[in-house]
């Protein structure tokens, strides 16, 4: 298991990662938005939500697009260990934080799968299925489903250790127009 996944070694994440490594379907990725930057880009995720009581640990895996005509546009999988500093109700993650996590993973997914092409969120819809316990370890998965010129459509799921879907999301990102 890769060193960045070691904090998750004694959890349900281990079995998922080992199966993915065997199948060679997912590879370890960088978690760029958790790295503080001098220009303050990503500071909400890299600083504010990077504490023992918010998002304690995070790991990122990805499966790149196949480019074989199958329409497979890749997948991004995050494992997050969340604390209780983002709760709305006692021991339940605030719904707005679910939306923040979805916005972040869906934005990262379309960015990486489209060769680091920047964009902005056009819209984001979250369907809440079950309360997200906090603290807990979550798996969040995102996939690009369609691209139309500058429009990028992405879906995501937030899951728990038993496969329970806590929330599902869909979004539209708009690619930034190239400077002429």
N, C-alpha and C. Protein backbone atom coordinates (compact mmCIF):
# COMPACT_ATOMS: atom_id res chain seq x y z
N UNK A 1 0.85 -1.17 0.00
CA UNK A 1 0.00 0.00 0.00
C UNK A 1 0.90 1.24 0.00
N UNK A 2 0.54 2.22 -0.81
CA UNK A 2 1.31 3.46 -0.93
C UNK A 2 1.33 4.20 0.41
N UNK A 3 2.45 4.87 0.75
CA UNK A 3 2.56 5.56 2.04
C UNK A 3 1.44 6.56 2.32
N UNK A 4 0.91 7.24 1.29
CA UNK A 4 -0.15 8.21 1.55
C UNK A 4 -1.46 7.53 1.95
N UNK A 5 -1.55 6.23 1.71
CA UNK A 5 -2.74 5.48 2.11
C UNK A 5 -2.56 4.78 3.45
N UNK A 6 -1.36 4.83 4.00
CA UNK A 6 -1.08 4.15 5.27
C UNK A 6 -2.04 4.55 6.40
N UNK A 7 -2.42 5.83 6.53
CA UNK A 7 -3.36 6.16 7.62
C UNK A 7 -4.69 5.40 7.52
N UNK A 8 -4.99 4.90 6.35
CA UNK A 8 -6.24 4.16 6.14
C UNK A 8 -6.02 2.64 6.20
N UNK A 9 -4.81 2.18 6.51
CA UNK A 9 -4.44 0.77 6.40
C UNK A 9 -5.28 -0.15 7.27
N UNK A 10 -5.72 0.30 8.41
CA UNK A 10 -6.50 -0.56 9.30
C UNK A 10 -7.99 -0.27 9.22
N UNK A 11 -8.44 0.17 8.06
CA UNK A 11 -9.85 0.49 7.86
C UNK A 11 -10.38 -0.28 6.65
N UNK A 12 -11.66 -0.10 6.36
CA UNK A 12 -12.28 -0.75 5.21
C UNK A 12 -11.68 -0.27 3.89
N UNK A 13 -11.00 0.86 3.89
CA UNK A 13 -10.39 1.40 2.68
C UNK A 13 -9.32 0.44 2.15
N UNK A 14 -8.61 -0.21 3.05
CA UNK A 14 -7.52 -1.12 2.68
C UNK A 14 -7.99 -2.17 1.68
N UNK A 15 -9.11 -2.82 1.94
CA UNK A 15 -9.61 -3.87 1.04
C UNK A 15 -9.94 -3.31 -0.34
N UNK A 16 -10.54 -2.14 -0.37
CA UNK A 16 -10.88 -1.50 -1.65
C UNK A 16 -9.61 -1.19 -2.44
N UNK A 17 -8.62 -0.61 -1.77
CA UNK A 17 -7.38 -0.22 -2.44
C UNK A 17 -6.62 -1.45 -2.93
N UNK A 18 -6.53 -2.48 -2.12
CA UNK A 18 -5.82 -3.69 -2.53
C UNK A 18 -6.48 -4.33 -3.75
N UNK A 19 -7.80 -4.36 -3.78
CA UNK A 19 -8.51 -4.90 -4.95
C UNK A 19 -8.25 -4.05 -6.19
N UNK A 20 -8.24 -2.73 -6.02
CA UNK A 20 -7.98 -1.83 -7.15
C UNK A 20 -6.56 -2.00 -7.66
N UNK A 21 -5.60 -2.18 -6.73
CA UNK A 21 -4.21 -2.38 -7.14
C UNK A 21 -4.06 -3.69 -7.91
N UNK A 22 -4.74 -4.74 -7.47
CA UNK A 22 -4.69 -6.03 -8.17
C UNK A 22 -5.23 -5.91 -9.59
N UNK A 23 -6.33 -5.19 -9.71
CA UNK A 23 -6.97 -5.04 -11.02
C UNK A 23 -6.27 -4.00 -11.88
N UNK A 24 -5.36 -3.24 -11.27
CA UNK A 24 -4.65 -2.17 -11.98
C UNK A 24 -5.62 -1.14 -12.57
N UNK A 25 -6.75 -0.93 -11.90
CA UNK A 25 -7.73 0.00 -12.41
C UNK A 25 -7.54 1.41 -11.87
N UNK A 26 -6.97 1.52 -10.67
CA UNK A 26 -6.78 2.83 -10.08
C UNK A 26 -5.33 3.03 -9.70
N UNK A 27 -4.85 4.25 -9.87
CA UNK A 27 -3.49 4.57 -9.47
C UNK A 27 -3.54 5.77 -8.52
N UNK A 28 -2.54 5.88 -7.69
CA UNK A 28 -2.49 6.96 -6.72
C UNK A 28 -2.31 8.29 -7.44
N UNK A 29 -3.07 9.28 -7.00
CA UNK A 29 -2.95 10.61 -7.58
C UNK A 29 -2.54 11.62 -6.53
N UNK A 30 -2.18 12.80 -6.97
CA UNK A 30 -1.84 13.88 -6.05
C UNK A 30 -3.13 14.57 -5.60
N UNK A 31 -3.13 15.02 -4.39
CA UNK A 31 -4.28 15.72 -3.84
C UNK A 31 -3.92 17.20 -3.81
N UNK A 32 -3.89 17.81 -4.98
CA UNK A 32 -3.38 19.18 -5.16
C UNK A 32 -4.10 20.21 -4.31
N UNK A 33 -5.41 20.08 -4.14
CA UNK A 33 -6.14 21.14 -3.44
C UNK A 33 -5.90 21.12 -1.94
N UNK A 34 -5.21 20.09 -1.41
CA UNK A 34 -4.87 20.07 0.02
C UNK A 34 -3.47 20.62 0.27
N UNK A 35 -2.84 21.15 -0.76
CA UNK A 35 -1.51 21.74 -0.63
C UNK A 35 -1.64 23.26 -0.60
N UNK A 36 -1.26 23.92 0.51
CA UNK A 36 -1.33 25.39 0.56
C UNK A 36 -0.47 26.03 -0.53
N UNK A 37 -0.98 27.10 -1.12
CA UNK A 37 -0.27 27.80 -2.19
C UNK A 37 -0.06 29.26 -1.79
N UNK A 38 1.01 29.84 -2.26
CA UNK A 38 1.37 31.21 -1.86
C UNK A 38 0.35 32.24 -2.33
N UNK A 39 -0.38 31.95 -3.42
CA UNK A 39 -1.36 32.92 -3.93
C UNK A 39 -2.74 32.73 -3.30
N UNK A 40 -2.87 31.87 -2.30
CA UNK A 40 -4.08 31.55 -1.54
C UNK A 40 -5.10 30.71 -2.32
N UNK A 41 -4.76 30.30 -3.55
CA UNK A 41 -5.65 29.40 -4.28
C UNK A 41 -5.83 28.13 -3.45
N UNK A 42 -7.03 27.61 -3.43
CA UNK A 42 -7.38 26.39 -2.70
C UNK A 42 -7.27 26.53 -1.19
N UNK A 43 -7.20 27.73 -0.65
CA UNK A 43 -6.98 27.89 0.79
C UNK A 43 -8.13 27.34 1.64
N UNK A 44 -9.34 27.33 1.12
CA UNK A 44 -10.46 26.78 1.90
C UNK A 44 -10.24 25.29 2.18
N UNK A 45 -9.82 24.54 1.16
CA UNK A 45 -9.59 23.11 1.33
C UNK A 45 -8.22 22.86 1.97
N UNK A 46 -7.20 23.58 1.53
CA UNK A 46 -5.83 23.32 1.97
C UNK A 46 -5.56 23.77 3.40
N UNK A 47 -6.27 24.79 3.86
CA UNK A 47 -6.00 25.33 5.19
C UNK A 47 -7.22 25.15 6.11
N UNK A 48 -8.31 25.78 5.76
CA UNK A 48 -9.50 25.78 6.62
C UNK A 48 -10.02 24.37 6.89
N UNK A 49 -10.08 23.53 5.86
CA UNK A 49 -10.63 22.18 6.01
C UNK A 49 -9.54 21.11 6.08
N UNK A 50 -8.39 21.47 6.59
CA UNK A 50 -7.27 20.53 6.69
C UNK A 50 -6.79 20.50 8.15
N UNK A 51 -7.71 20.09 9.03
CA UNK A 51 -7.41 20.05 10.46
C UNK A 51 -7.89 18.74 11.06
N UNK A 52 -7.54 18.48 12.29
CA UNK A 52 -7.97 17.26 12.98
C UNK A 52 -9.49 17.21 13.16
N UNK A 53 -10.16 18.36 13.23
CA UNK A 53 -11.61 18.35 13.45
C UNK A 53 -12.41 18.48 12.15
N UNK A 54 -11.74 18.73 11.04
CA UNK A 54 -12.47 18.86 9.77
C UNK A 54 -12.13 17.65 8.89
N UNK A 55 -11.25 17.82 7.90
CA UNK A 55 -10.83 16.68 7.08
C UNK A 55 -9.42 16.30 7.55
N UNK A 56 -9.36 15.26 8.37
CA UNK A 56 -8.11 14.85 9.01
C UNK A 56 -7.11 14.31 8.01
N UNK A 57 -7.56 13.41 7.16
CA UNK A 57 -6.69 12.75 6.19
C UNK A 57 -7.44 12.58 4.89
N UNK A 58 -6.66 12.54 3.82
CA UNK A 58 -7.27 12.36 2.50
C UNK A 58 -6.29 11.63 1.58
N UNK A 59 -6.84 10.81 0.72
CA UNK A 59 -6.04 10.13 -0.30
C UNK A 59 -6.83 10.15 -1.59
N UNK A 60 -6.13 10.19 -2.69
CA UNK A 60 -6.75 10.32 -4.01
C UNK A 60 -6.26 9.20 -4.93
N UNK A 61 -7.19 8.55 -5.58
CA UNK A 61 -6.88 7.55 -6.61
C UNK A 61 -7.60 7.95 -7.88
N UNK A 62 -7.04 7.58 -9.02
CA UNK A 62 -7.73 7.91 -10.27
C UNK A 62 -7.56 6.79 -11.29
N UNK A 63 -8.51 6.75 -12.19
CA UNK A 63 -8.44 5.88 -13.36
C UNK A 63 -8.61 6.81 -14.55
N UNK A 64 -7.58 6.88 -15.38
CA UNK A 64 -7.59 7.82 -16.49
C UNK A 64 -8.54 7.35 -17.60
N UNK A 65 -9.00 8.28 -18.44
CA UNK A 65 -9.87 7.90 -19.56
C UNK A 65 -9.20 6.87 -20.46
N UNK A 66 -10.02 6.01 -21.08
CA UNK A 66 -9.46 4.94 -21.90
C UNK A 66 -9.10 5.39 -23.32
N UNK A 67 -9.77 6.40 -23.85
CA UNK A 67 -9.50 6.89 -25.21
C UNK A 67 -9.54 5.77 -26.24
N UNK A 68 -10.46 4.83 -26.05
CA UNK A 68 -10.57 3.70 -26.98
C UNK A 68 -11.92 3.68 -27.70
N UNK A 69 -12.64 4.79 -27.60
CA UNK A 69 -13.94 4.86 -28.25
C UNK A 69 -15.07 4.32 -27.38
N UNK A 70 -14.73 3.82 -26.17
CA UNK A 70 -15.75 3.22 -25.30
C UNK A 70 -16.58 4.27 -24.56
N UNK A 71 -16.13 5.51 -24.57
CA UNK A 71 -16.82 6.56 -23.83
C UNK A 71 -16.40 6.64 -22.37
N UNK A 72 -15.49 5.77 -21.94
CA UNK A 72 -15.00 5.78 -20.57
C UNK A 72 -14.13 7.02 -20.38
N UNK A 73 -14.60 7.94 -19.53
CA UNK A 73 -13.89 9.20 -19.32
C UNK A 73 -13.13 9.23 -18.01
N UNK A 74 -12.87 8.07 -17.41
CA UNK A 74 -12.07 8.02 -16.20
C UNK A 74 -12.88 8.22 -14.94
N UNK A 75 -12.18 8.12 -13.82
CA UNK A 75 -12.83 8.23 -12.51
C UNK A 75 -11.83 8.75 -11.50
N UNK A 76 -12.32 9.52 -10.55
CA UNK A 76 -11.52 10.00 -9.44
C UNK A 76 -12.17 9.48 -8.16
N UNK A 77 -11.37 8.90 -7.27
CA UNK A 77 -11.86 8.36 -6.00
C UNK A 77 -11.07 9.00 -4.87
N UNK A 78 -11.79 9.57 -3.92
CA UNK A 78 -11.15 10.14 -2.74
C UNK A 78 -11.58 9.36 -1.51
N UNK A 79 -10.65 9.17 -0.59
CA UNK A 79 -10.95 8.66 0.73
C UNK A 79 -10.69 9.80 1.69
N UNK A 80 -11.68 10.12 2.50
CA UNK A 80 -11.58 11.23 3.43
C UNK A 80 -11.89 10.75 4.84
N UNK A 81 -11.04 11.11 5.78
CA UNK A 81 -11.37 10.88 7.18
C UNK A 81 -11.81 12.21 7.75
N UNK A 82 -13.09 12.30 8.09
CA UNK A 82 -13.63 13.56 8.57
C UNK A 82 -13.79 13.53 10.09
N UNK A 83 -13.59 14.69 10.69
CA UNK A 83 -13.80 14.85 12.13
C UNK A 83 -15.20 15.36 12.40
N UNK A 84 -15.40 15.89 13.60
CA UNK A 84 -16.73 16.39 13.95
C UNK A 84 -16.81 17.92 13.94
N UNK A 85 -15.84 18.57 13.32
CA UNK A 85 -15.84 20.03 13.27
C UNK A 85 -16.62 20.62 12.11
N UNK A 86 -17.33 19.79 11.37
CA UNK A 86 -18.15 20.27 10.25
C UNK A 86 -19.59 19.80 10.40
N UNK A 87 -19.98 19.47 11.63
CA UNK A 87 -21.31 18.93 11.88
C UNK A 87 -22.39 20.00 11.82
N UNK A 88 -23.56 19.58 11.37
CA UNK A 88 -24.76 20.40 11.45
C UNK A 88 -25.55 19.98 12.68
N UNK A 89 -25.87 18.70 12.76
CA UNK A 89 -26.48 18.10 13.95
C UNK A 89 -25.39 17.29 14.65
N UNK A 90 -25.66 16.87 15.87
CA UNK A 90 -24.68 16.08 16.62
C UNK A 90 -24.30 14.83 15.83
N UNK A 91 -23.00 14.67 15.61
CA UNK A 91 -22.44 13.49 14.94
C UNK A 91 -22.92 13.29 13.49
N UNK A 92 -23.37 14.37 12.85
CA UNK A 92 -23.82 14.31 11.45
C UNK A 92 -23.20 15.47 10.69
N UNK A 93 -22.53 15.14 9.59
CA UNK A 93 -21.90 16.15 8.74
C UNK A 93 -22.95 17.14 8.22
N UNK A 94 -22.62 18.41 8.25
CA UNK A 94 -23.51 19.45 7.71
C UNK A 94 -23.71 19.21 6.21
N UNK A 95 -24.92 19.32 5.73
CA UNK A 95 -25.22 19.10 4.32
C UNK A 95 -24.45 20.02 3.39
N UNK A 96 -24.18 21.23 3.84
CA UNK A 96 -23.40 22.16 3.02
C UNK A 96 -21.98 21.66 2.80
N UNK A 97 -21.45 20.94 3.78
CA UNK A 97 -20.10 20.38 3.62
C UNK A 97 -20.11 19.24 2.61
N UNK A 98 -21.19 18.50 2.56
CA UNK A 98 -21.33 17.47 1.52
C UNK A 98 -21.24 18.13 0.15
N UNK A 99 -21.93 19.25 -0.02
CA UNK A 99 -21.89 19.98 -1.28
C UNK A 99 -20.48 20.50 -1.58
N UNK A 100 -19.78 20.99 -0.56
CA UNK A 100 -18.40 21.47 -0.75
C UNK A 100 -17.50 20.33 -1.22
N UNK A 101 -17.62 19.17 -0.57
CA UNK A 101 -16.80 18.02 -0.96
C UNK A 101 -17.13 17.60 -2.39
N UNK A 102 -18.40 17.57 -2.75
CA UNK A 102 -18.78 17.23 -4.12
C UNK A 102 -18.23 18.24 -5.12
N UNK A 103 -18.36 19.52 -4.82
CA UNK A 103 -17.85 20.54 -5.74
C UNK A 103 -16.35 20.35 -5.95
N UNK A 104 -15.65 20.04 -4.88
CA UNK A 104 -14.20 19.89 -4.96
C UNK A 104 -13.80 18.66 -5.78
N UNK A 105 -14.42 17.50 -5.52
CA UNK A 105 -14.04 16.29 -6.24
C UNK A 105 -14.50 16.34 -7.69
N UNK A 106 -15.69 16.88 -7.94
CA UNK A 106 -16.15 16.94 -9.33
C UNK A 106 -15.32 17.93 -10.14
N UNK A 107 -14.94 19.03 -9.51
CA UNK A 107 -14.06 19.98 -10.18
C UNK A 107 -12.71 19.37 -10.48
N UNK A 108 -12.15 18.66 -9.49
CA UNK A 108 -10.85 18.00 -9.70
C UNK A 108 -10.94 16.93 -10.76
N UNK A 109 -12.02 16.18 -10.76
CA UNK A 109 -12.19 15.09 -11.73
C UNK A 109 -12.16 15.63 -13.16
N UNK A 110 -12.99 16.61 -13.45
CA UNK A 110 -13.02 17.10 -14.83
C UNK A 110 -11.73 17.84 -15.17
N UNK A 111 -11.09 18.47 -14.20
CA UNK A 111 -9.82 19.15 -14.44
C UNK A 111 -8.75 18.14 -14.87
N UNK A 112 -8.57 17.07 -14.10
CA UNK A 112 -7.53 16.09 -14.39
C UNK A 112 -7.84 15.24 -15.62
N UNK A 113 -9.09 14.87 -15.78
CA UNK A 113 -9.46 14.01 -16.91
C UNK A 113 -9.40 14.77 -18.23
N UNK A 114 -9.42 16.10 -18.15
CA UNK A 114 -9.36 16.92 -19.36
C UNK A 114 -8.04 17.69 -19.42
N UNK A 115 -6.97 17.03 -19.02
CA UNK A 115 -5.61 17.58 -19.17
C UNK A 115 -5.40 18.92 -18.48
N UNK A 116 -5.83 19.01 -17.24
CA UNK A 116 -5.61 20.20 -16.41
C UNK A 116 -6.21 21.47 -17.01
N UNK A 117 -7.38 21.31 -17.58
CA UNK A 117 -8.09 22.42 -18.21
C UNK A 117 -8.99 23.11 -17.17
N UNK A 118 -8.74 24.39 -16.85
CA UNK A 118 -9.50 25.07 -15.80
C UNK A 118 -10.94 25.37 -16.18
N UNK A 119 -11.77 25.49 -15.14
CA UNK A 119 -13.20 25.76 -15.34
C UNK A 119 -13.78 26.36 -14.07
N UNK A 120 -15.05 26.69 -14.13
CA UNK A 120 -15.81 27.16 -12.98
C UNK A 120 -17.08 26.33 -12.88
N UNK A 121 -17.59 26.20 -11.67
CA UNK A 121 -18.84 25.47 -11.44
C UNK A 121 -19.99 26.28 -12.03
N UNK A 122 -20.77 25.66 -12.91
CA UNK A 122 -21.96 26.30 -13.46
C UNK A 122 -23.17 26.01 -12.59
N UNK A 123 -23.32 24.76 -12.19
CA UNK A 123 -24.35 24.39 -11.23
C UNK A 123 -23.95 23.10 -10.54
N UNK A 124 -24.58 22.86 -9.41
CA UNK A 124 -24.28 21.68 -8.60
C UNK A 124 -25.58 21.28 -7.91
N UNK A 125 -25.96 20.03 -8.06
CA UNK A 125 -27.15 19.50 -7.42
C UNK A 125 -26.74 18.34 -6.53
N UNK A 126 -27.25 18.33 -5.31
CA UNK A 126 -26.96 17.25 -4.37
C UNK A 126 -28.27 16.61 -3.95
N UNK A 127 -28.33 15.29 -4.05
CA UNK A 127 -29.45 14.51 -3.53
C UNK A 127 -28.95 13.80 -2.29
N UNK A 128 -29.51 14.16 -1.14
CA UNK A 128 -29.10 13.59 0.13
C UNK A 128 -29.90 12.31 0.37
N UNK A 129 -29.21 11.19 0.58
CA UNK A 129 -29.87 9.89 0.75
C UNK A 129 -29.91 9.44 2.20
N UNK A 130 -28.87 9.75 2.99
CA UNK A 130 -28.80 9.34 4.39
C UNK A 130 -27.86 10.29 5.12
N UNK A 131 -28.06 10.49 6.42
CA UNK A 131 -27.14 11.34 7.18
C UNK A 131 -25.72 10.78 7.13
N UNK A 132 -24.75 11.67 6.98
CA UNK A 132 -23.34 11.28 6.94
C UNK A 132 -22.80 11.34 8.38
N UNK A 133 -22.40 10.19 8.93
CA UNK A 133 -21.89 10.21 10.30
C UNK A 133 -20.53 10.93 10.38
N UNK A 134 -20.36 11.64 11.47
CA UNK A 134 -19.08 12.32 11.69
C UNK A 134 -18.73 12.20 13.17
N UNK A 135 -17.54 11.74 13.45
CA UNK A 135 -16.45 11.43 12.52
C UNK A 135 -16.68 10.11 11.79
N UNK A 136 -16.03 10.00 10.62
CA UNK A 136 -16.09 8.76 9.84
C UNK A 136 -15.08 8.81 8.70
N UNK A 137 -15.00 7.70 7.98
CA UNK A 137 -14.19 7.62 6.77
C UNK A 137 -15.15 7.45 5.61
N UNK A 138 -14.96 8.27 4.59
CA UNK A 138 -15.85 8.29 3.42
C UNK A 138 -15.08 7.95 2.15
N UNK A 139 -15.79 7.37 1.20
CA UNK A 139 -15.28 7.24 -0.16
C UNK A 139 -16.16 8.14 -1.02
N UNK A 140 -15.52 8.98 -1.82
CA UNK A 140 -16.25 9.86 -2.73
C UNK A 140 -15.72 9.59 -4.12
N UNK A 141 -16.64 9.27 -5.04
CA UNK A 141 -16.27 8.92 -6.41
C UNK A 141 -16.88 9.91 -7.37
N UNK A 142 -16.13 10.26 -8.42
CA UNK A 142 -16.63 11.19 -9.44
C UNK A 142 -16.22 10.72 -10.82
N UNK A 143 -17.11 10.97 -11.78
CA UNK A 143 -16.84 10.62 -13.18
C UNK A 143 -17.40 11.71 -14.10
N UNK A 144 -16.63 12.03 -15.13
CA UNK A 144 -17.13 12.89 -16.19
C UNK A 144 -18.07 12.04 -17.03
N UNK A 145 -19.27 12.55 -17.31
CA UNK A 145 -20.24 11.77 -18.10
C UNK A 145 -20.42 12.28 -19.52
N UNK A 146 -20.16 13.57 -19.71
CA UNK A 146 -20.39 14.13 -21.04
C UNK A 146 -19.62 15.44 -21.17
N UNK A 147 -19.18 15.71 -22.39
CA UNK A 147 -18.50 16.97 -22.70
C UNK A 147 -19.15 17.54 -23.94
N UNK A 148 -19.56 18.81 -23.87
CA UNK A 148 -20.13 19.54 -25.02
C UNK A 148 -19.42 20.87 -25.11
N UNK A 149 -18.47 20.95 -26.02
CA UNK A 149 -17.65 22.14 -26.17
C UNK A 149 -17.03 22.52 -24.84
N UNK A 150 -17.42 23.64 -24.22
CA UNK A 150 -16.83 24.04 -22.94
C UNK A 150 -17.60 23.48 -21.74
N UNK A 151 -18.71 22.82 -21.97
CA UNK A 151 -19.52 22.27 -20.88
C UNK A 151 -19.02 20.87 -20.50
N UNK A 152 -18.85 20.67 -19.19
CA UNK A 152 -18.39 19.37 -18.68
C UNK A 152 -19.37 18.89 -17.62
N UNK A 153 -19.98 17.75 -17.85
CA UNK A 153 -20.96 17.19 -16.94
C UNK A 153 -20.30 16.11 -16.09
N UNK A 154 -20.52 16.17 -14.78
CA UNK A 154 -19.86 15.26 -13.85
C UNK A 154 -20.89 14.75 -12.83
N UNK A 155 -20.74 13.49 -12.43
CA UNK A 155 -21.57 12.91 -11.37
C UNK A 155 -20.66 12.41 -10.25
N UNK A 156 -21.23 12.31 -9.04
CA UNK A 156 -20.45 11.84 -7.90
C UNK A 156 -21.35 11.12 -6.90
N UNK A 157 -20.71 10.30 -6.09
CA UNK A 157 -21.38 9.61 -4.98
C UNK A 157 -20.51 9.72 -3.74
N UNK A 158 -21.14 9.82 -2.58
CA UNK A 158 -20.45 9.76 -1.29
C UNK A 158 -20.94 8.49 -0.60
N UNK A 159 -19.99 7.61 -0.26
CA UNK A 159 -20.34 6.31 0.30
C UNK A 159 -19.65 6.05 1.64
N UNK A 160 -20.27 5.17 2.41
CA UNK A 160 -19.70 4.73 3.67
C UNK A 160 -19.09 3.35 3.53
N UNK A 161 -18.59 2.80 4.64
CA UNK A 161 -17.87 1.53 4.60
C UNK A 161 -18.71 0.34 4.16
N UNK A 162 -20.00 0.40 4.36
CA UNK A 162 -20.87 -0.71 3.99
C UNK A 162 -21.47 -0.53 2.60
N UNK A 163 -20.97 0.47 1.86
CA UNK A 163 -21.50 0.74 0.52
C UNK A 163 -22.73 1.62 0.52
N UNK A 164 -23.19 2.02 1.71
CA UNK A 164 -24.36 2.88 1.81
C UNK A 164 -24.07 4.20 1.10
N UNK A 165 -24.96 4.61 0.21
CA UNK A 165 -24.81 5.89 -0.49
C UNK A 165 -25.41 6.98 0.39
N UNK A 166 -24.56 7.87 0.86
CA UNK A 166 -25.02 8.99 1.68
C UNK A 166 -25.58 10.12 0.83
N UNK A 167 -24.96 10.34 -0.32
CA UNK A 167 -25.40 11.44 -1.18
C UNK A 167 -24.93 11.19 -2.61
N UNK A 168 -25.67 11.77 -3.54
CA UNK A 168 -25.29 11.73 -4.96
C UNK A 168 -25.33 13.15 -5.48
N UNK A 169 -24.45 13.45 -6.41
CA UNK A 169 -24.40 14.79 -6.94
C UNK A 169 -24.19 14.79 -8.44
N UNK A 170 -24.59 15.88 -9.05
CA UNK A 170 -24.30 16.09 -10.47
C UNK A 170 -24.00 17.56 -10.66
N UNK A 171 -23.15 17.83 -11.62
CA UNK A 171 -22.74 19.22 -11.82
C UNK A 171 -22.43 19.50 -13.28
N UNK A 172 -22.42 20.78 -13.55
CA UNK A 172 -22.00 21.30 -14.85
C UNK A 172 -20.86 22.26 -14.57
N UNK A 173 -19.73 22.03 -15.22
CA UNK A 173 -18.60 22.94 -15.15
C UNK A 173 -18.45 23.58 -16.51
N UNK A 174 -18.06 24.84 -16.52
CA UNK A 174 -17.85 25.58 -17.77
C UNK A 174 -16.36 25.85 -17.90
N UNK A 175 -15.77 25.34 -18.97
CA UNK A 175 -14.35 25.57 -19.23
C UNK A 175 -14.09 27.04 -19.51
N UNK A 176 -12.97 27.52 -19.05
CA UNK A 176 -12.60 28.92 -19.26
C UNK A 176 -12.21 29.10 -20.73
N UNK A 177 -12.71 30.17 -21.32
CA UNK A 177 -12.38 30.47 -22.71
C UNK A 177 -10.89 30.74 -22.84
N UNK A 178 -10.25 30.13 -23.84
CA UNK A 178 -8.83 30.42 -24.04
C UNK A 178 -8.63 31.87 -24.44
N UNK A 179 -7.55 32.47 -23.97
CA UNK A 179 -7.26 33.86 -24.33
C UNK A 179 -6.79 33.89 -25.77
N UNK A 180 -7.32 34.86 -26.50
CA UNK A 180 -7.00 34.98 -27.91
C UNK A 180 -5.84 35.92 -28.11
